Amino acid sequence: MTQDTAIARDALKKIPMLWCLDESDMKVSRLGGLTNLVFRVDFCGEQYALRVPGTGTEEYISRKDEAVAAREAARAGVAPDVLYFDESSGLMVTRLVDNAVTMSPALFKERRGSPARAGIVFHKLHQSDAKFNARFDLFQMIDGYLKVLAGKDVELPQGYHDVVGEAEGVRAALAAHPLPVVACHCDPLCENFLDVDSRMWIVDWEYSGMNDPMWDLGDLSVEGQFDEAEDEEMIGAYFAGQPTPSERGRMVIYKAMCDLLWTLWGLIQLANNNPVDDFRAYALNRFERCKKLMSTSDFARHIEAVRRG
């Protein structure tokens, strides 16, 4: 038995619906997870997904808010049903999506129509009546992450505060004509999408909240390393046509802003000794990509389009 499997089996003993006296009746296999551990559990002819929260995640994630979001997303038909959620520990069990492929940047390029399916599932979520407890506010989150990092032995990338200052122009443009906030995923890593050819499902609602819907599109474009054609496929499916210059501008702006925010997230993982990735390189790459996009003339043009509305 591996260490990960032992962790999963210890967690399962705390979940009445999955507790069994004969562990040979249960098959547990690791699925993945960047900050958490995620497992497939086969038990009594049923298949489940078990999420065991990662070390240190309680510093910046509200499990109570996540529980509401996960259940609301399931009700909206974009996420698997939540069967168990312990708000004190963060242990969660959902139904496993049959025959689903866990996406990656490479698979978004290989699987025909997948950017469009992502646009469609985003539209379904954003147009639903789902209500999340949390409000995903970009600049408040930057301030919050900076406070977390203030108590840790990790240096910010050189010039980070300068770029946050430059982003005040972005904040003003977005505030000039705000879109109504809707239920958003807010952390659309490719691996949070499950594709079954006919449709996409979305999992992992830790960072979700009521937000500008264009954040989800901009962030997925960055995470999926979308090229222009993939962006157009996703946007076209989302809008069932072409977006306005302001809508497109918001999406591009959020490409830079998600990198500005997740730079800090990467540094928190580094401080927490998360072994899954080289989080120093992750943070620096994010920050450099943010600066590069913000320095382009096209970025200035998109800010102006958003400001005009």
C-alpha atoms as a PDB file:
ATOM      1  CA  MET A   1       0.000   0.000   0.000  1.00  0.00           C
ATOM      2  CA  THR A   2       1.411   3.397  -0.999  1.00  0.00           C
ATOM      3  CA  GLN A   3       1.475   6.373   1.347  1.00  0.00           C
ATOM      4  CA  ASP A   4      -1.207   8.125  -0.737  1.00  0.00           C
ATOM      5  CA  THR A   5      -3.458   5.068  -0.639  1.00  0.00           C
ATOM      6  CA  ALA A   6      -3.004   4.827   3.127  1.00  0.00           C
ATOM      7  CA  ILE A   7      -4.068   8.477   3.446  1.00  0.00           C
ATOM      8  CA  ALA A   8      -7.163   7.751   1.368  1.00  0.00           C
ATOM      9  CA  ARG A   9      -8.129   4.697   3.398  1.00  0.00           C
ATOM     10  CA  ASP A  10      -7.684   6.603   6.662  1.00  0.00           C
ATOM     11  CA  ALA A  11      -9.960   9.332   5.276  1.00  0.00           C
ATOM     12  CA  LEU A  12     -12.572   6.798   4.174  1.00  0.00           C
ATOM     13  CA  LYS A  13     -12.854   5.527   7.761  1.00  0.00           C
ATOM     14  CA  LYS A  14     -14.274   8.957   8.659  1.00  0.00           C
ATOM     15  CA  ILE A  15     -17.011   8.755   6.011  1.00  0.00           C
ATOM     16  CA  PRO A  16     -19.937   6.551   7.092  1.00  0.00           C
ATOM     17  CA  MET A  17     -21.272   5.984   3.569  1.00  0.00           C
ATOM     18  CA  LEU A  18     -17.950   4.497   2.452  1.00  0.00           C
ATOM     19  CA  TRP A  19     -16.811   2.722   5.600  1.00  0.00           C
ATOM     20  CA  CYS A  20     -16.557  -1.047   5.282  1.00  0.00           C
ATOM     21  CA  LEU A  21     -15.172  -3.714   7.612  1.00  0.00           C
ATOM     22  CA  ASP A  22     -13.528  -5.667   4.791  1.00  0.00           C
ATOM     23  CA  GLU A  23     -11.189  -3.309   2.938  1.00  0.00           C
ATOM     24  CA  SER A  24     -10.767  -5.906   0.186  1.00  0.00           C
ATOM     25  CA  ASP A  25     -14.266  -4.901  -0.962  1.00  0.00           C
ATOM     26  CA  MET A  26     -12.952  -1.442  -1.817  1.00  0.00           C
ATOM     27  CA  LYS A  27     -10.534  -0.410  -4.567  1.00  0.00           C
ATOM     28  CA  VAL A  28      -8.751   2.938  -4.210  1.00  0.00           C
ATOM     29  CA  SER A  29      -6.619   4.552  -6.930  1.00  0.00           C
ATOM     30  CA  ARG A  30      -5.016   8.006  -7.174  1.00  0.00           C
ATOM     31  CA  LEU A  31      -6.458  10.373  -9.768  1.00  0.00           C
ATOM     32  CA  GLY A  32      -4.345  13.471  -9.229  1.00  0.00           C
ATOM     33  CA  GLY A  33      -4.530  16.863  -7.552  1.00  0.00           C
ATOM     34  CA  LEU A  34      -2.191  19.841  -7.419  1.00  0.00           C
ATOM     35  CA  THR A  35      -2.738  20.929  -3.816  1.00  0.00           C
ATOM     36  CA  ASN A  36      -5.139  18.185  -2.719  1.00  0.00           C
ATOM     37  CA  LEU A  37      -5.191  14.407  -3.121  1.00  0.00           C
ATOM     38  CA  VAL A  38      -7.972  13.038  -5.328  1.00  0.00           C
ATOM     39  CA  PHE A  39      -8.848   9.345  -5.553  1.00  0.00           C
ATOM     40  CA  ARG A  40     -11.201   7.050  -7.391  1.00  0.00           C
ATOM     41  CA  VAL A  41     -13.052   4.721  -5.010  1.00  0.00           C
ATOM     42  CA  ASP A  42     -14.820   1.594  -6.277  1.00  0.00           C
ATOM     43  CA  PHE A  43     -17.190   0.202  -3.666  1.00  0.00           C
ATOM     44  CA  CYS A  44     -20.246  -2.079  -3.890  1.00  0.00           C
ATOM     45  CA  GLY A  45     -20.576  -1.634  -7.641  1.00  0.00           C
ATOM     46  CA  GLU A  46     -20.480   2.185  -7.428  1.00  0.00           C
ATOM     47  CA  GLN A  47     -17.710   4.612  -8.318  1.00  0.00           C
ATOM     48  CA  TYR A  48     -16.886   7.726  -6.323  1.00  0.00           C
ATOM     49  CA  ALA A  49     -14.322  10.533  -6.279  1.00  0.00           C
ATOM     50  CA  LEU A  50     -12.726  11.260  -2.904  1.00  0.00           C
ATOM     51  CA  ARG A  51     -10.977  14.584  -2.253  1.00  0.00           C
ATOM     52  CA  VAL A  52      -8.558  14.847   0.680  1.00  0.00           C
ATOM     53  CA  PRO A  53      -7.532  18.499   1.265  1.00  0.00           C
ATOM     54  CA  GLY A  54      -3.868  19.450   1.114  1.00  0.00           C
ATOM     55  CA  THR A  55      -1.708  20.774   3.927  1.00  0.00           C
ATOM     56  CA  GLY A  56      -2.066  24.516   4.513  1.00  0.00           C
ATOM     57  CA  THR A  57      -5.135  24.994   2.307  1.00  0.00           C
ATOM     58  CA  GLU A  58      -7.183  26.029   5.348  1.00  0.00           C
ATOM     59  CA  GLU A  59      -5.200  29.302   5.368  1.00  0.00           C
ATOM     60  CA  TYR A  60      -6.885  30.613   2.243  1.00  0.00           C
ATOM     61  CA  ILE A  61      -9.899  28.413   1.434  1.00  0.00           C
ATOM     62  CA  SER A  62     -13.313  28.477   3.108  1.00  0.00           C
ATOM     63  CA  ARG A  63     -14.608  24.918   3.069  1.00  0.00           C
ATOM     64  CA  LYS A  64     -18.065  26.149   4.052  1.00  0.00           C
ATOM     65  CA  ASP A  65     -18.213  28.355   0.958  1.00  0.00           C
ATOM     66  CA  GLU A  66     -16.818  25.558  -1.192  1.00  0.00           C
ATOM     67  CA  ALA A  67     -19.518  23.159   0.012  1.00  0.00           C
ATOM     68  CA  VAL A  68     -22.242  25.599  -1.044  1.00  0.00           C
ATOM     69  CA  ALA A  69     -20.609  26.194  -4.436  1.00  0.00           C
ATOM     70  CA  ALA A  70     -20.077  22.498  -5.182  1.00  0.00           C
ATOM     71  CA  ARG A  71     -23.712  21.705  -4.418  1.00  0.00           C
ATOM     72  CA  GLU A  72     -25.015  24.713  -6.362  1.00  0.00           C
ATOM     73  CA  ALA A  73     -22.849  23.811  -9.364  1.00  0.00           C
ATOM     74  CA  ALA A  74     -24.221  20.271  -9.267  1.00  0.00           C
ATOM     75  CA  ARG A  75     -27.753  21.660  -9.137  1.00  0.00           C
ATOM     76  CA  ALA A  76     -26.931  23.784 -12.189  1.00  0.00           C
ATOM     77  CA  GLY A  77     -25.922  20.617 -14.035  1.00  0.00           C
ATOM     78  CA  VAL A  78     -22.259  21.466 -14.567  1.00  0.00           C
ATOM     79  CA  ALA A  79     -20.648  19.449 -11.729  1.00  0.00           C
ATOM     80  CA  PRO A  80     -21.018  15.939 -10.284  1.00  0.00           C
ATOM     81  CA  ASP A  81     -23.400  15.382  -7.368  1.00  0.00           C
ATOM     82  CA  VAL A  82     -21.910  15.992  -3.920  1.00  0.00           C
ATOM     83  CA  LEU A  83     -22.571  12.945  -1.734  1.00  0.00           C
ATOM     84  CA  TYR A  84     -20.572  13.918   1.349  1.00  0.00           C
ATOM     85  CA  PHE A  85     -18.850  17.094   2.525  1.00  0.00           C
ATOM     86  CA  ASP A  86     -17.253  17.668   5.929  1.00  0.00           C
ATOM     87  CA  GLU A  87     -16.938  21.433   6.294  1.00  0.00           C
ATOM     88  CA  SER A  88     -14.525  21.123   9.219  1.00  0.00           C
ATOM     89  CA  SER A  89     -11.971  18.925   7.457  1.00  0.00           C
ATOM     90  CA  GLY A  90     -12.738  19.535   3.789  1.00  0.00           C
ATOM     91  CA  LEU A  91     -13.190  15.847   3.019  1.00  0.00           C
ATOM     92  CA  MET A  92     -15.516  15.502   0.047  1.00  0.00           C
ATOM     93  CA  VAL A  93     -17.063  12.667  -1.944  1.00  0.00           C
ATOM     94  CA  THR A  94     -18.767  13.140  -5.293  1.00  0.00           C
ATOM     95  CA  ARG A  95     -20.142  10.758  -7.839  1.00  0.00           C
ATOM     96  CA  LEU A  96     -17.551   9.752 -10.441  1.00  0.00           C
ATOM     97  CA  VAL A  97     -18.321  10.919 -13.987  1.00  0.00           C
ATOM     98  CA  ASP A  98     -18.489   7.830 -16.212  1.00  0.00           C
ATOM     99  CA  ASN A  99     -16.043   7.558 -19.108  1.00  0.00           C
ATOM    100  CA  ALA A 100     -14.679  11.050 -18.497  1.00  0.00           C
ATOM    101  CA  VAL A 101     -11.280  12.237 -19.703  1.00  0.00           C
ATOM    102  CA  THR A 102      -9.448  14.581 -17.336  1.00  0.00           C
ATOM    103  CA  MET A 103      -8.333  17.449 -19.543  1.00  0.00           C
ATOM    104  CA  SER A 104      -4.887  19.029 -19.949  1.00  0.00           C
ATOM    105  CA  PRO A 105      -3.497  21.770 -22.226  1.00  0.00           C
ATOM    106  CA  ALA A 106      -2.443  19.078 -24.695  1.00  0.00           C
ATOM    107  CA  LEU A 107      -5.862  17.415 -24.682  1.00  0.00           C
ATOM    108  CA  PHE A 108      -7.629  20.726 -25.292  1.00  0.00           C
ATOM    109  CA  LYS A 109      -5.643  20.840 -28.532  1.00  0.00           C
ATOM    110  CA  GLU A 110      -6.117  17.184 -29.411  1.00  0.00           C
ATOM    111  CA  ARG A 111      -9.785  16.629 -28.589  1.00  0.00           C
ATOM    112  CA  ARG A 112     -11.874  18.102 -31.357  1.00  0.00           C
ATOM    113  CA  GLY A 113     -14.444  20.634 -30.149  1.00  0.00           C
ATOM    114  CA  SER A 114     -13.214  20.715 -26.551  1.00  0.00           C
ATOM    115  CA  PRO A 115     -12.703  24.534 -26.368  1.00  0.00           C
ATOM    116  CA  ALA A 116     -16.283  24.920 -27.597  1.00  0.00           C
ATOM    117  CA  ARG A 117     -17.585  22.447 -25.016  1.00  0.00           C
ATOM    118  CA  ALA A 118     -15.778  24.448 -22.328  1.00  0.00           C
ATOM    119  CA  GLY A 119     -17.422  27.640 -23.575  1.00  0.00           C
ATOM    120  CA  ILE A 120     -20.826  25.952 -23.480  1.00  0.00           C
ATOM    121  CA  VAL A 121     -20.441  24.652 -19.922  1.00  0.00           C
ATOM    122  CA  PHE A 122     -19.274  28.094 -18.778  1.00  0.00           C
ATOM    123  CA  HIS A 123     -22.347  29.646 -20.394  1.00  0.00           C
ATOM    124  CA  LYS A 124     -24.594  27.091 -18.695  1.00  0.00           C
ATOM    125  CA  LEU A 125     -23.064  27.912 -15.309  1.00  0.00           C
ATOM    126  CA  HIS A 126     -23.100  31.672 -15.784  1.00  0.00           C
ATOM    127  CA  GLN A 127     -26.711  31.707 -17.008  1.00  0.00           C
ATOM    128  CA  SER A 128     -27.952  29.456 -14.207  1.00  0.00           C
ATOM    129  CA  ASP A 129     -29.576  30.666 -11.006  1.00  0.00           C
ATOM    130  CA  ALA A 130     -26.719  29.227  -8.917  1.00  0.00           C
ATOM    131  CA  LYS A 131     -25.725  31.430  -5.983  1.00  0.00           C
ATOM    132  CA  PHE A 132     -22.368  31.077  -4.239  1.00  0.00           C
ATOM    133  CA  ASN A 133     -21.622  32.448  -0.784  1.00  0.00           C
ATOM    134  CA  ALA A 134     -18.222  33.848  -1.711  1.00  0.00           C
ATOM    135  CA  ARG A 135     -17.479  36.926  -3.785  1.00  0.00           C
ATOM    136  CA  PHE A 136     -14.370  36.470  -5.917  1.00  0.00           C
ATOM    137  CA  ASP A 137     -12.820  39.928  -5.903  1.00  0.00           C
ATOM    138  CA  LEU A 138      -9.493  39.988  -7.722  1.00  0.00           C
ATOM    139  CA  PHE A 139      -7.902  42.883  -5.884  1.00  0.00           C
ATOM    140  CA  GLN A 140      -9.150  41.806  -2.460  1.00  0.00           C
ATOM    141  CA  MET A 141      -7.674  38.375  -3.126  1.00  0.00           C
ATOM    142  CA  ILE A 142      -4.325  39.900  -4.065  1.00  0.00           C
ATOM    143  CA  ASP A 143      -4.355  41.823  -0.774  1.00  0.00           C
ATOM    144  CA  GLY A 144      -5.359  38.666   1.113  1.00  0.00           C
ATOM    145  CA  TYR A 145      -2.620  36.546  -0.426  1.00  0.00           C
ATOM    146  CA  LEU A 146      -0.056  39.261   0.286  1.00  0.00           C
ATOM    147  CA  LYS A 147      -1.097  39.149   3.957  1.00  0.00           C
ATOM    148  CA  VAL A 148      -0.658  35.363   4.020  1.00  0.00           C
ATOM    149  CA  LEU A 149       2.803  35.719   2.453  1.00  0.00           C
ATOM    150  CA  ALA A 150       3.797  38.456   4.906  1.00  0.00           C
ATOM    151  CA  GLY A 151       4.080  35.788   7.578  1.00  0.00           C
ATOM    152  CA  LYS A 152       6.146  33.419   5.455  1.00  0.00           C
ATOM    153  CA  ASP A 153       9.801  33.315   4.426  1.00  0.00           C
ATOM    154  CA  VAL A 154       9.257  33.843   0.691  1.00  0.00           C
ATOM    155  CA  GLU A 155      10.303  36.824  -1.450  1.00  0.00           C
ATOM    156  CA  LEU A 156       7.989  38.394  -4.003  1.00  0.00           C
ATOM    157  CA  PRO A 157       9.247  38.679  -7.581  1.00  0.00           C
ATOM    158  CA  GLN A 158      11.106  41.941  -8.131  1.00  0.00           C
ATOM    159  CA  GLY A 159       8.697  44.648  -9.228  1.00  0.00           C
ATOM    160  CA  TYR A 160       5.527  42.827  -8.145  1.00  0.00           C
ATOM    161  CA  HIS A 161       4.115  45.792  -6.224  1.00  0.00           C
ATOM    162  CA  ASP A 162       4.883  48.068  -9.187  1.00  0.00           C
ATOM    163  CA  VAL A 163       2.758  45.910 -11.474  1.00  0.00           C
ATOM    164  CA  VAL A 164      -0.053  45.852  -8.908  1.00  0.00           C
ATOM    165  CA  GLY A 165       0.129  49.644  -9.023  1.00  0.00           C
ATOM    166  CA  GLU A 166      -0.086  49.607 -12.827  1.00  0.00           C
ATOM    167  CA  ALA A 167      -3.139  47.364 -12.547  1.00  0.00           C
ATOM    168  CA  GLU A 168      -5.057  50.237 -10.942  1.00  0.00           C
ATOM    169  CA  GLY A 169      -5.795  51.365 -14.505  1.00  0.00           C
ATOM    170  CA  VAL A 170      -7.283  47.939 -15.166  1.00  0.00           C
ATOM    171  CA  ARG A 171      -9.376  48.184 -12.013  1.00  0.00           C
ATOM    172  CA  ALA A 172     -10.740  51.572 -13.080  1.00  0.00           C
ATOM    173  CA  ALA A 173     -11.626  50.340 -16.569  1.00  0.00           C
ATOM    174  CA  LEU A 174     -13.426  47.271 -15.233  1.00  0.00           C
ATOM    175  CA  ALA A 175     -15.322  49.384 -12.700  1.00  0.00           C
ATOM    176  CA  ALA A 176     -16.464  51.883 -15.344  1.00  0.00           C
ATOM    177  CA  HIS A 177     -19.013  49.428 -16.759  1.00  0.00           C
ATOM    178  CA  PRO A 178     -19.231  46.457 -14.380  1.00  0.00           C
ATOM    179  CA  LEU A 179     -20.973  43.302 -15.525  1.00  0.00           C
ATOM    180  CA  PRO A 180     -23.480  41.673 -13.165  1.00  0.00           C
ATOM    181  CA  VAL A 181     -21.601  39.109 -11.081  1.00  0.00           C
ATOM    182  CA  VAL A 182     -22.630  35.495 -11.604  1.00  0.00           C
ATOM    183  CA  ALA A 183     -21.606  32.093 -10.268  1.00  0.00           C
ATOM    184  CA  CYS A 184     -18.093  31.456 -11.606  1.00  0.00           C
ATOM    185  CA  HIS A 185     -15.562  28.673 -11.190  1.00  0.00           C
ATOM    186  CA  CYS A 186     -12.666  31.169 -10.950  1.00  0.00           C
ATOM    187  CA  ASP A 187      -9.898  28.517 -11.065  1.00  0.00           C
ATOM    188  CA  PRO A 188     -10.349  26.803 -14.438  1.00  0.00           C
ATOM    189  CA  LEU A 189      -7.233  24.662 -14.601  1.00  0.00           C
ATOM    190  CA  CYS A 190      -7.549  22.299 -17.546  1.00  0.00           C
ATOM    191  CA  GLU A 191      -7.446  19.403 -15.093  1.00  0.00           C
ATOM    192  CA  ASN A 192     -10.665  20.704 -13.519  1.00  0.00           C
ATOM    193  CA  PHE A 193     -12.535  19.842 -16.733  1.00  0.00           C
ATOM    194  CA  LEU A 194     -13.866  16.358 -17.409  1.00  0.00           C
ATOM    195  CA  ASP A 195     -14.744  15.695 -21.053  1.00  0.00           C
ATOM    196  CA  VAL A 196     -17.140  12.986 -22.179  1.00  0.00           C
ATOM    197  CA  ASP A 197     -17.191  14.067 -25.846  1.00  0.00           C
ATOM    198  CA  SER A 198     -20.785  15.290 -25.802  1.00  0.00           C
ATOM    199  CA  ARG A 199     -20.266  17.687 -22.907  1.00  0.00           C
ATOM    200  CA  MET A 200     -17.889  18.993 -20.232  1.00  0.00           C
ATOM    201  CA  TRP A 201     -18.161  18.751 -16.477  1.00  0.00           C
ATOM    202  CA  ILE A 202     -16.274  21.031 -14.065  1.00  0.00           C
ATOM    203  CA  VAL A 203     -14.851  19.963 -10.691  1.00  0.00           C
ATOM    204  CA  ASP A 204     -12.959  21.580  -7.783  1.00  0.00           C
ATOM    205  CA  TRP A 205     -14.896  24.596  -6.522  1.00  0.00           C
ATOM    206  CA  GLU A 206     -12.407  25.752  -3.859  1.00  0.00           C
ATOM    207  CA  TYR A 207     -11.853  29.236  -5.312  1.00  0.00           C
ATOM    208  CA  SER A 208     -15.285  29.762  -6.833  1.00  0.00           C
ATOM    209  CA  GLY A 209     -17.447  32.787  -6.177  1.00  0.00           C
ATOM    210  CA  MET A 210     -19.728  35.401  -7.652  1.00  0.00           C
ATOM    211  CA  ASN A 211     -17.580  37.132 -10.246  1.00  0.00           C
ATOM    212  CA  ASP A 212     -17.355  38.792 -13.637  1.00  0.00           C
ATOM    213  CA  PRO A 213     -18.074  35.897 -16.050  1.00  0.00           C
ATOM    214  CA  MET A 214     -15.258  36.917 -18.387  1.00  0.00           C
ATOM    215  CA  TRP A 215     -12.748  35.886 -15.710  1.00  0.00           C
ATOM    216  CA  ASP A 216     -13.497  32.208 -16.345  1.00  0.00           C
ATOM    217  CA  LEU A 217     -12.900  32.522 -20.091  1.00  0.00           C
ATOM    218  CA  GLY A 218      -9.700  34.531 -19.737  1.00  0.00           C
ATOM    219  CA  ASP A 219      -8.280  32.230 -17.080  1.00  0.00           C
ATOM    220  CA  LEU A 220      -9.009  29.029 -19.035  1.00  0.00           C
ATOM    221  CA  SER A 221      -7.377  30.559 -22.118  1.00  0.00           C
ATOM    222  CA  VAL A 222      -4.198  31.065 -20.080  1.00  0.00           C
ATOM    223  CA  GLU A 223      -4.307  27.671 -18.359  1.00  0.00           C
ATOM    224  CA  GLY A 224      -4.986  25.859 -21.627  1.00  0.00           C
ATOM    225  CA  GLN A 225      -2.340  27.834 -23.513  1.00  0.00           C
ATOM    226  CA  PHE A 226      -5.004  28.557 -26.111  1.00  0.00           C
ATOM    227  CA  ASP A 227      -3.985  30.004 -29.440  1.00  0.00           C
ATOM    228  CA  GLU A 228      -6.150  32.489 -31.339  1.00  0.00           C
ATOM    229  CA  ALA A 229      -8.218  29.765 -33.020  1.00  0.00           C
ATOM    230  CA  GLU A 230      -8.947  28.038 -29.715  1.00  0.00           C
ATOM    231  CA  ASP A 231      -9.891  31.344 -28.117  1.00  0.00           C
ATOM    232  CA  GLU A 232     -12.298  32.034 -30.969  1.00  0.00           C
ATOM    233  CA  GLU A 233     -13.808  28.553 -30.696  1.00  0.00           C
ATOM    234  CA  MET A 234     -14.426  28.975 -26.962  1.00  0.00           C
ATOM    235  CA  ILE A 235     -15.745  32.537 -27.260  1.00  0.00           C
ATOM    236  CA  GLY A 236     -17.948  31.726 -30.252  1.00  0.00           C
ATOM    237  CA  ALA A 237     -19.566  28.817 -28.426  1.00  0.00           C
ATOM    238  CA  TYR A 238     -20.013  30.860 -25.256  1.00  0.00           C
ATOM    239  CA  PHE A 239     -21.710  33.806 -26.983  1.00  0.00           C
ATOM    240  CA  ALA A 240     -23.252  31.802 -29.832  1.00  0.00           C
ATOM    241  CA  GLY A 241     -21.601  34.452 -31.994  1.00  0.00           C
ATOM    242  CA  GLN A 242     -19.099  37.243 -31.593  1.00  0.00           C
ATOM    243  CA  PRO A 243     -18.558  39.171 -28.338  1.00  0.00           C
ATOM    244  CA  THR A 244     -18.540  42.951 -28.219  1.00  0.00           C
ATOM    245  CA  PRO A 245     -15.134  44.711 -28.087  1.00  0.00           C
ATOM    246  CA  SER A 246     -15.760  45.364 -24.388  1.00  0.00           C
ATOM    247  CA  GLU A 247     -16.541  41.707 -23.642  1.00  0.00           C
ATOM    248  CA  ARG A 248     -13.482  40.560 -25.561  1.00  0.00           C
ATOM    249  CA  GLY A 249     -11.403  43.211 -23.802  1.00  0.00           C
ATOM    250  CA  ARG A 250     -12.482  41.973 -20.375  1.00  0.00           C
ATOM    251  CA  MET A 251     -11.427  38.454 -21.285  1.00  0.00           C
ATOM    252  CA  VAL A 252      -7.973  39.631 -22.413  1.00  0.00           C
ATOM    253  CA  ILE A 253      -7.529  41.809 -19.324  1.00  0.00           C
ATOM    254  CA  TYR A 254      -8.273  38.831 -17.096  1.00  0.00           C
ATOM    255  CA  LYS A 255      -5.600  36.797 -18.880  1.00  0.00           C
ATOM    256  CA  ALA A 256      -3.035  39.141 -17.348  1.00  0.00           C
ATOM    257  CA  MET A 257      -4.811  39.558 -14.036  1.00  0.00           C
ATOM    258  CA  CYS A 258      -5.143  35.816 -13.382  1.00  0.00           C
ATOM    259  CA  ASP A 259      -1.374  35.512 -13.786  1.00  0.00           C
ATOM    260  CA  LEU A 260      -0.871  38.425 -11.401  1.00  0.00           C
ATOM    261  CA  LEU A 261      -3.039  36.693  -8.780  1.00  0.00           C
ATOM    262  CA  TRP A 262      -1.840  33.114  -9.237  1.00  0.00           C
ATOM    263  CA  THR A 263       1.767  34.289  -8.950  1.00  0.00           C
ATOM    264  CA  LEU A 264       1.012  34.791  -5.256  1.00  0.00           C
ATOM    265  CA  TRP A 265      -0.799  31.470  -5.007  1.00  0.00           C
ATOM    266  CA  GLY A 266       2.317  29.756  -6.336  1.00  0.00           C
ATOM    267  CA  LEU A 267       4.455  31.461  -3.709  1.00  0.00           C
ATOM    268  CA  ILE A 268       2.093  30.258  -0.974  1.00  0.00           C
ATOM    269  CA  GLN A 269       2.518  26.687  -2.259  1.00  0.00           C
ATOM    270  CA  LEU A 270       6.290  27.217  -2.197  1.00  0.00           C
ATOM    271  CA  ALA A 271       6.127  28.458   1.389  1.00  0.00           C
ATOM    272  CA  ASN A 272       3.988  25.464   2.366  1.00  0.00           C
ATOM    273  CA  ASN A 273       6.574  23.073   0.849  1.00  0.00           C
ATOM    274  CA  ASN A 274       4.089  21.610  -1.631  1.00  0.00           C
ATOM    275  CA  PRO A 275       6.200  18.999  -3.484  1.00  0.00           C
ATOM    276  CA  VAL A 276       3.938  18.616  -6.525  1.00  0.00           C
ATOM    277  CA  ASP A 277       5.666  21.260  -8.677  1.00  0.00           C
ATOM    278  CA  ASP A 278       8.524  23.763  -8.800  1.00  0.00           C
ATOM    279  CA  PHE A 279       6.361  26.563  -7.462  1.00  0.00           C
ATOM    280  CA  ARG A 280       9.117  29.175  -7.542  1.00  0.00           C
ATOM    281  CA  ALA A 281       9.431  28.683 -11.298  1.00  0.00           C
ATOM    282  CA  TYR A 282       5.626  28.527 -11.543  1.00  0.00           C
ATOM    283  CA  ALA A 283       5.273  31.918  -9.824  1.00  0.00           C
ATOM    284  CA  LEU A 284       8.046  33.609 -11.799  1.00  0.00           C
ATOM    285  CA  ASN A 285       6.712  32.325 -15.120  1.00  0.00           C
ATOM    286  CA  ARG A 286       3.248  33.604 -14.245  1.00  0.00           C
ATOM    287  CA  PHE A 287       4.571  37.024 -13.328  1.00  0.00           C
ATOM    288  CA  GLU A 288       6.709  37.359 -16.464  1.00  0.00           C
ATOM    289  CA  ARG A 289       3.768  36.387 -18.667  1.00  0.00           C
ATOM    290  CA  CYS A 290       1.574  38.967 -16.926  1.00  0.00           C
ATOM    291  CA  LYS A 291       4.122  41.736 -17.490  1.00  0.00           C
ATOM    292  CA  LYS A 292       4.602  40.752 -21.129  1.00  0.00           C
ATOM    293  CA  LEU A 293       0.891  40.946 -21.927  1.00  0.00           C
ATOM    294  CA  MET A 294       0.380  44.187 -20.015  1.00  0.00           C
ATOM    295  CA  SER A 295       3.213  45.849 -21.973  1.00  0.00           C
ATOM    296  CA  THR A 296       1.600  45.297 -25.387  1.00  0.00           C
ATOM    297  CA  SER A 297      -0.258  47.960 -27.351  1.00  0.00           C
ATOM    298  CA  ASP A 298      -3.133  45.520 -27.797  1.00  0.00           C
ATOM    299  CA  PHE A 299      -3.569  45.343 -24.021  1.00  0.00           C
ATOM    300  CA  ALA A 300      -3.915  49.124 -23.843  1.00  0.00           C
ATOM    301  CA  ARG A 301      -6.478  48.961 -26.650  1.00  0.00           C
ATOM    302  CA  HIS A 302      -8.508  46.355 -24.767  1.00  0.00           C
ATOM    303  CA  ILE A 303      -8.431  48.456 -21.588  1.00  0.00           C
ATOM    304  CA  GLU A 304      -9.815  51.388 -23.556  1.00  0.00           C
ATOM    305  CA  ALA A 305     -12.586  49.208 -25.057  1.00  0.00           C
ATOM    306  CA  VAL A 306     -13.576  48.061 -21.580  1.00  0.00           C
ATOM    307  CA  ARG A 307     -13.481  51.617 -20.245  1.00  0.00           C
ATOM    308  CA  ARG A 308     -15.836  52.756 -23.017  1.00  0.00           C
ATOM    309  CA  GLY A 309     -18.181  49.837 -22.441  1.00  0.00           C
END
